[in-house]
Amino acid sequence: MTVFIDWLSVSQEHARCPVWGSTRRVEFALETGELRSEVVRGEQVRGSWDSGLHVRSTGSRVEVSGNPSRFGRLDNLLGLTTLADCLAVYNDVLRTLGLPVFEVQYIASVVGAHGGQRLRVGPVISQVHVTRNLICGPGGSGAFLDWLSAQSFGRLPYQRTHDTTVKAGHIARRLHEFYGRGAELREHALKSRRARAPEKLSVKDEAVAYLERLAEWCDRGGVETLCYRLIASEAAPQTDEP
């Protein structure tokens, strides 16, 4: 099946942008009253079906982190396949908040020994999860995970962390993960039952029934999801620190 993106952390520097988030923490020196630090903490922007994105704007940098394939959707069995589509989802949210959108800009650099150059300034990706669904066939999921748990991802051994999950690597840098999609969809169905989202109760019941049917379809086909998580070494994952 097609590869898609189910997590993306993006930031972009701006000469000036509004401050937006949940809280702002300011620290002053007691003796002199000098401003020591100022931290804006981000806030979760809620979409339909209990989905959300974490957004923060510090006055000089805008950050968005979350699952663009899931935002405003009931499921993401098949998600967004290009960065352009993911950024379009994020930019729609930023516009509603009155914040600058993610876009590539060009500025002229200082003329050097090799003549004038143009530097590209734009969004910086600090974390991305790339996902693909694999079909093992009826009854094949368990046997596949049993086999995989005895293999390795390069020098990283796969480990069975759950009945339906096998992982290799570390979330701090990169992580290779296989999990049964049917079990994950059932978990979302339980969340939909408890969701505080504004959908009517009758609509929620239909959503739960849909997720359960989709989970059964994944079980019959032996659908496993491969997720490769990568955190860029040049930029740390999004935090609420300045």
Protein backbone atom coordinates (compact mmCIF):
# COMPACT_ATOMS: atom_id res chain seq x y z
CA MET A 1 0.00 0.00 0.00
CA THR A 2 0.98 3.66 -0.37
CA VAL A 3 3.39 5.28 2.09
CA PHE A 4 1.85 8.17 4.05
CA ILE A 5 2.73 10.58 6.87
CA ASP A 6 1.04 10.23 10.25
CA TRP A 7 3.13 12.61 12.38
CA LEU A 8 4.91 15.83 11.51
CA SER A 9 6.62 18.46 13.68
CA VAL A 10 7.30 21.72 11.81
CA SER A 11 8.55 25.18 12.78
CA GLN A 12 9.44 28.38 10.98
CA GLU A 13 11.19 31.55 12.08
CA HIS A 14 9.51 34.90 11.38
CA ALA A 15 10.73 38.44 11.86
CA ARG A 16 7.55 39.12 13.82
CA CYS A 17 4.45 37.10 14.60
CA PRO A 18 1.72 37.13 17.26
CA VAL A 19 2.27 35.37 20.57
CA TRP A 20 -0.17 32.45 20.87
CA GLY A 21 -0.45 29.53 23.25
CA SER A 22 -1.92 28.42 26.55
CA THR A 23 0.23 30.33 29.05
CA ARG A 24 3.25 32.63 29.20
CA ARG A 25 5.87 32.30 31.93
CA VAL A 26 8.05 35.34 32.63
CA GLU A 27 10.99 35.38 35.06
CA PHE A 28 12.62 38.52 36.48
CA ALA A 29 15.68 38.99 38.67
CA LEU A 30 14.48 39.89 42.17
CA GLU A 31 17.27 42.36 42.86
CA THR A 32 17.31 44.30 39.58
CA GLY A 33 13.94 43.54 38.02
CA GLU A 34 15.77 42.50 34.84
CA LEU A 35 13.91 40.16 32.51
CA ARG A 36 15.68 36.79 32.64
CA SER A 37 13.50 34.54 30.50
CA GLU A 38 10.10 34.31 28.83
CA VAL A 39 8.46 31.06 27.76
CA VAL A 40 5.22 30.64 25.80
CA ARG A 41 3.63 27.22 26.21
CA GLY A 42 1.69 25.82 23.28
CA GLU A 43 -1.91 24.74 23.23
CA GLN A 44 -3.86 21.88 21.69
CA VAL A 45 -6.13 22.94 18.82
CA ARG A 46 -9.06 20.55 18.69
CA GLY A 47 -10.55 19.19 15.48
CA SER A 48 -13.54 16.94 14.94
CA TRP A 49 -13.52 13.32 16.15
CA ASP A 50 -11.34 14.19 19.14
CA SER A 51 -8.34 14.97 16.95
CA GLY A 52 -5.88 17.74 17.70
CA LEU A 53 -2.68 19.59 16.81
CA HIS A 54 -0.19 21.21 19.19
CA VAL A 55 0.42 24.84 18.18
CA ARG A 56 2.74 27.49 19.61
CA SER A 57 3.79 30.95 18.46
CA THR A 58 6.54 32.66 20.45
CA GLY A 59 6.58 36.02 18.68
CA SER A 60 9.45 34.94 16.43
CA ARG A 61 8.71 31.29 15.68
CA VAL A 62 5.58 29.31 14.80
CA GLU A 63 5.44 25.58 15.61
CA VAL A 64 2.90 22.88 14.83
CA SER A 65 3.14 19.22 15.78
CA GLY A 66 0.69 16.36 15.36
CA ASN A 67 -0.86 13.89 12.96
CA PRO A 68 -1.98 15.77 9.83
CA SER A 69 -3.54 12.62 8.37
CA ARG A 70 -5.76 12.23 11.43
CA PHE A 71 -6.77 15.86 12.08
CA GLY A 72 -10.49 16.32 11.51
CA ARG A 73 -10.89 12.69 10.38
CA LEU A 74 -12.35 9.63 12.04
CA ASP A 75 -9.49 7.34 11.01
CA ASN A 76 -6.23 7.46 9.10
CA LEU A 77 -5.98 3.95 7.72
CA LEU A 78 -4.88 5.73 4.55
CA GLY A 79 -3.26 9.13 5.16
CA LEU A 80 -1.66 12.08 3.41
CA THR A 81 1.18 11.11 1.09
CA THR A 82 3.02 14.42 0.53
CA LEU A 83 4.53 17.13 2.70
CA ALA A 84 2.60 19.71 0.67
CA ASP A 85 -0.73 18.11 1.70
CA CYS A 86 0.36 17.97 5.36
CA LEU A 87 1.45 21.60 5.38
CA ALA A 88 -1.86 22.58 3.76
CA VAL A 89 -3.68 21.08 6.78
CA TYR A 90 -1.40 22.94 9.18
CA ASN A 91 -1.71 26.21 7.26
CA ASP A 92 -5.52 26.06 7.36
CA VAL A 93 -5.31 25.85 11.16
CA LEU A 94 -2.74 28.66 11.36
CA ARG A 95 -4.95 30.94 9.26
CA THR A 96 -7.91 30.41 11.57
CA LEU A 97 -5.66 31.43 14.49
CA GLY A 98 -4.34 34.52 12.68
CA LEU A 99 -0.78 33.17 12.62
CA PRO A 100 1.76 33.19 9.74
CA VAL A 101 1.61 30.07 7.59
CA PHE A 102 4.46 27.74 6.62
CA GLU A 103 5.88 28.81 3.28
CA VAL A 104 9.25 28.88 1.53
CA GLN A 105 10.79 32.34 1.20
CA TYR A 106 13.87 33.54 -0.64
CA ILE A 107 16.25 36.22 0.59
CA ALA A 108 19.47 37.55 -0.95
CA SER A 109 22.62 36.80 1.01
CA VAL A 110 25.70 38.98 1.34
CA VAL A 111 27.92 38.87 -1.74
CA GLY A 112 30.91 36.63 -1.02
CA ALA A 113 34.03 35.43 -2.79
CA HIS A 114 31.95 33.37 -5.23
CA GLY A 115 29.47 36.11 -6.07
CA GLY A 116 25.93 36.70 -4.89
CA GLN A 117 23.84 33.82 -3.62
CA ARG A 118 20.23 33.34 -2.61
CA LEU A 119 19.41 31.51 0.57
CA ARG A 120 16.16 29.62 0.99
CA VAL A 121 14.32 30.21 4.25
CA GLY A 122 11.26 28.19 5.14
CA PRO A 123 9.76 25.47 7.34
CA VAL A 124 12.08 23.21 9.34
CA ILE A 125 10.96 19.62 9.97
CA SER A 126 12.19 18.25 13.29
CA GLN A 127 10.22 15.00 13.41
CA VAL A 128 8.37 12.84 10.88
CA HIS A 129 6.66 9.45 11.10
CA VAL A 130 6.36 7.63 7.77
CA THR A 131 3.83 4.81 7.70
CA ARG A 132 2.84 1.99 5.38
CA ASN A 133 0.21 -0.74 5.67
CA LEU A 134 1.26 -4.33 4.95
CA ILE A 135 -1.20 -7.14 4.18
CA CYS A 136 -0.18 -10.50 5.67
CA GLY A 137 -3.31 -12.37 4.63
CA PRO A 138 -5.98 -14.06 6.79
CA GLY A 139 -4.46 -15.29 10.05
CA GLY A 140 -1.00 -14.12 9.04
CA SER A 141 -0.49 -11.25 11.48
CA GLY A 142 0.45 -13.35 14.50
CA ALA A 143 2.90 -15.51 12.57
CA PHE A 144 4.47 -12.43 10.98
CA LEU A 145 4.99 -10.69 14.33
CA ASP A 146 6.41 -13.91 15.84
CA TRP A 147 8.93 -14.13 13.01
CA LEU A 148 9.75 -10.42 13.13
CA SER A 149 10.45 -10.47 16.88
CA ALA A 150 13.44 -12.74 16.17
CA GLN A 151 14.88 -10.36 13.54
CA SER A 152 16.75 -7.05 13.74
CA PHE A 153 16.61 -3.62 12.13
CA GLY A 154 20.28 -3.12 11.26
CA ARG A 155 21.98 -3.57 14.63
CA LEU A 156 18.76 -2.92 16.52
CA PRO A 157 16.88 -6.07 17.57
CA TYR A 158 13.11 -6.20 17.26
CA GLN A 159 11.30 -6.70 20.55
CA ARG A 160 7.73 -7.80 21.22
CA THR A 161 6.32 -5.02 23.38
CA HIS A 162 2.66 -6.08 23.11
CA ASP A 163 0.64 -8.94 21.67
CA THR A 164 0.11 -6.89 18.51
CA THR A 165 3.26 -4.70 18.52
CA VAL A 166 6.94 -5.22 17.65
CA LYS A 167 9.50 -2.39 17.89
CA ALA A 168 13.18 -1.73 17.20
CA GLY A 169 15.13 1.41 18.04
CA HIS A 170 14.64 4.36 20.35
CA ILE A 171 12.09 7.14 20.18
CA ALA A 172 14.85 9.65 20.96
CA ARG A 173 16.36 9.16 17.50
CA ARG A 174 14.60 6.64 15.26
CA LEU A 175 12.08 3.90 15.81
CA HIS A 176 10.83 1.09 13.58
CA GLU A 177 7.45 -0.21 14.71
CA PHE A 178 4.99 -2.81 13.43
CA TYR A 179 1.51 -3.06 14.95
CA GLY A 180 -1.80 -4.68 14.12
CA ARG A 181 -4.09 -2.10 12.61
CA GLY A 182 -7.28 -3.78 13.75
CA ALA A 183 -6.32 -3.50 17.43
CA GLU A 184 -5.39 0.17 16.98
CA LEU A 185 -8.73 0.95 15.31
CA ARG A 186 -10.62 -0.73 18.15
CA GLU A 187 -8.73 1.49 20.59
CA HIS A 188 -9.89 4.53 18.59
CA ALA A 189 -13.44 3.15 18.69
CA LEU A 190 -13.28 3.08 22.51
CA LYS A 191 -11.96 6.65 22.51
CA SER A 192 -14.81 7.70 20.23
CA ARG A 193 -17.30 6.33 22.77
CA ARG A 194 -15.71 8.47 25.50
CA ALA A 195 -14.88 11.47 23.30
CA ARG A 196 -15.77 14.95 24.50
CA ALA A 197 -16.03 16.08 20.86
CA PRO A 198 -19.22 17.95 19.88
CA GLU A 199 -20.58 15.27 17.51
CA LYS A 200 -24.11 14.13 18.30
CA LEU A 201 -24.53 10.83 20.13
CA SER A 202 -26.19 9.16 17.14
CA VAL A 203 -23.29 10.25 14.92
CA LYS A 204 -20.79 8.88 17.46
CA ASP A 205 -22.60 5.53 17.48
CA GLU A 206 -22.32 5.36 13.69
CA ALA A 207 -18.63 6.28 13.93
CA VAL A 208 -17.95 3.51 16.45
CA ALA A 209 -19.77 0.98 14.27
CA TYR A 210 -17.71 2.11 11.25
CA LEU A 211 -14.43 1.75 13.15
CA GLU A 212 -15.39 -1.71 14.36
CA ARG A 213 -16.24 -2.82 10.80
CA LEU A 214 -12.94 -1.36 9.57
CA ALA A 215 -11.06 -3.19 12.34
CA GLU A 216 -12.72 -6.48 11.36
CA TRP A 217 -11.71 -5.90 7.73
CA CYS A 218 -8.10 -5.33 8.83
CA ASP A 219 -8.18 -8.52 10.92
CA ARG A 220 -9.50 -10.60 8.02
CA GLY A 221 -6.80 -9.27 5.71
CA GLY A 222 -4.04 -9.44 8.28
CA VAL A 223 -3.23 -5.72 7.92
CA GLU A 224 -0.08 -4.68 9.77
CA THR A 225 1.16 -1.09 9.90
CA LEU A 226 4.85 -0.27 9.56
CA CYS A 227 5.76 3.08 11.14
CA TYR A 228 9.25 4.58 10.79
CA ARG A 229 9.80 7.50 13.14
CA LEU A 230 12.72 9.84 12.53
CA ILE A 231 13.82 12.85 14.58
CA ALA A 232 16.15 15.19 12.71
CA SER A 233 19.59 15.62 14.29
CA GLU A 234 19.77 19.29 13.26
CA ALA A 235 16.68 20.29 15.21
CA ALA A 236 15.29 19.00 18.47
CA PRO A 237 11.66 17.89 18.73
CA GLN A 238 9.16 20.59 19.55
CA THR A 239 9.06 21.58 23.21
CA ASP A 240 7.66 24.50 25.14
CA GLU A 241 11.09 25.88 25.91
CA PRO A 242 12.31 29.08 24.20
